[in-house]
């Protein structure tokens, strides 16, 4: 799983791991997660997304803050 987030890692990372655990998925045991954080810098998102594509992840989960405008 590739995770692309506009904001900071927490609390998203902890909540995401918890949701996966509820469905029987445990990071490091039966899945791998590649995290990429833009730290509020919109201009970094395209490069981070491209990096996840190069990593050949099966799915990309994107998280953004409310009201975020990606133009």
Protein backbone atom coordinates (compact mmCIF):
# COMPACT_ATOMS: atom_id res chain seq x y z
CA UNK A 1 0.00 0.00 0.00
CA UNK A 2 1.25 3.47 -0.84
CA UNK A 3 0.06 6.28 1.41
CA UNK A 4 0.23 9.85 0.12
CA UNK A 5 -0.69 12.59 2.56
CA UNK A 6 -0.76 16.36 2.27
CA UNK A 7 -0.34 16.89 5.99
CA UNK A 8 1.71 15.47 8.83
CA UNK A 9 1.88 11.73 9.62
CA UNK A 10 -0.15 11.76 12.82
CA UNK A 11 -2.94 11.14 13.59
CA UNK A 12 -3.59 9.65 10.11
CA UNK A 13 -0.93 6.93 10.34
CA UNK A 14 -2.15 5.59 13.69
CA UNK A 15 -5.80 5.63 12.60
CA UNK A 16 -4.97 3.96 9.28
CA UNK A 17 -3.02 1.17 10.98
CA UNK A 18 -5.88 0.65 13.44
CA UNK A 19 -8.44 0.39 10.62
CA UNK A 20 -6.27 -2.14 8.79
CA UNK A 21 -5.86 -4.17 12.00
CA UNK A 22 -9.65 -4.38 12.36
CA UNK A 23 -9.63 -6.21 9.02
CA UNK A 24 -6.75 -8.53 9.89
CA UNK A 25 -3.90 -6.60 8.25
CA UNK A 26 -0.75 -5.90 10.20
CA UNK A 27 2.05 -3.78 8.79
CA UNK A 28 5.22 -5.83 8.54
CA UNK A 29 3.37 -9.13 8.91
CA UNK A 30 0.99 -9.42 5.96
CA UNK A 31 1.38 -6.09 4.18
CA UNK A 32 3.90 -3.36 3.54
CA UNK A 33 3.10 0.33 3.62
CA UNK A 34 5.15 3.01 1.87
CA UNK A 35 4.40 6.41 3.44
CA UNK A 36 4.96 9.75 1.70
CA UNK A 37 4.20 13.04 3.50
CA UNK A 38 4.06 16.41 1.76
CA UNK A 39 4.13 18.27 5.11
CA UNK A 40 1.69 20.87 3.80
CA UNK A 41 3.71 21.59 0.66
CA UNK A 42 1.39 21.13 -2.32
CA UNK A 43 4.27 21.32 -4.81
CA UNK A 44 5.72 18.07 -3.38
CA UNK A 45 2.61 15.93 -4.05
CA UNK A 46 3.25 15.08 -7.72
CA UNK A 47 6.81 13.94 -7.03
CA UNK A 48 5.75 11.89 -4.02
CA UNK A 49 2.96 10.24 -6.03
CA UNK A 50 5.41 9.45 -8.84
CA UNK A 51 7.74 7.86 -6.30
CA UNK A 52 4.94 5.59 -5.06
CA UNK A 53 4.21 4.57 -8.66
CA UNK A 54 7.91 3.72 -9.14
CA UNK A 55 7.74 1.62 -5.97
CA UNK A 56 5.06 -0.42 -7.80
CA UNK A 57 2.58 -0.36 -4.92
CA UNK A 58 -0.75 -2.13 -5.54
CA UNK A 59 -2.88 0.76 -4.34
CA UNK A 60 -2.35 4.39 -3.32
CA UNK A 61 -4.36 5.83 -0.44
CA UNK A 62 -4.43 9.64 -0.51
CA UNK A 63 -5.25 11.86 2.45
CA UNK A 64 -5.70 15.63 2.37
CA UNK A 65 -6.79 18.24 4.85
CA UNK A 66 -10.31 19.64 4.46
CA UNK A 67 -10.44 22.57 2.09
CA UNK A 68 -7.14 21.66 0.42
CA UNK A 69 -7.09 22.90 -3.15
CA UNK A 70 -4.72 21.10 -5.53
CA UNK A 71 -4.33 23.25 -8.63
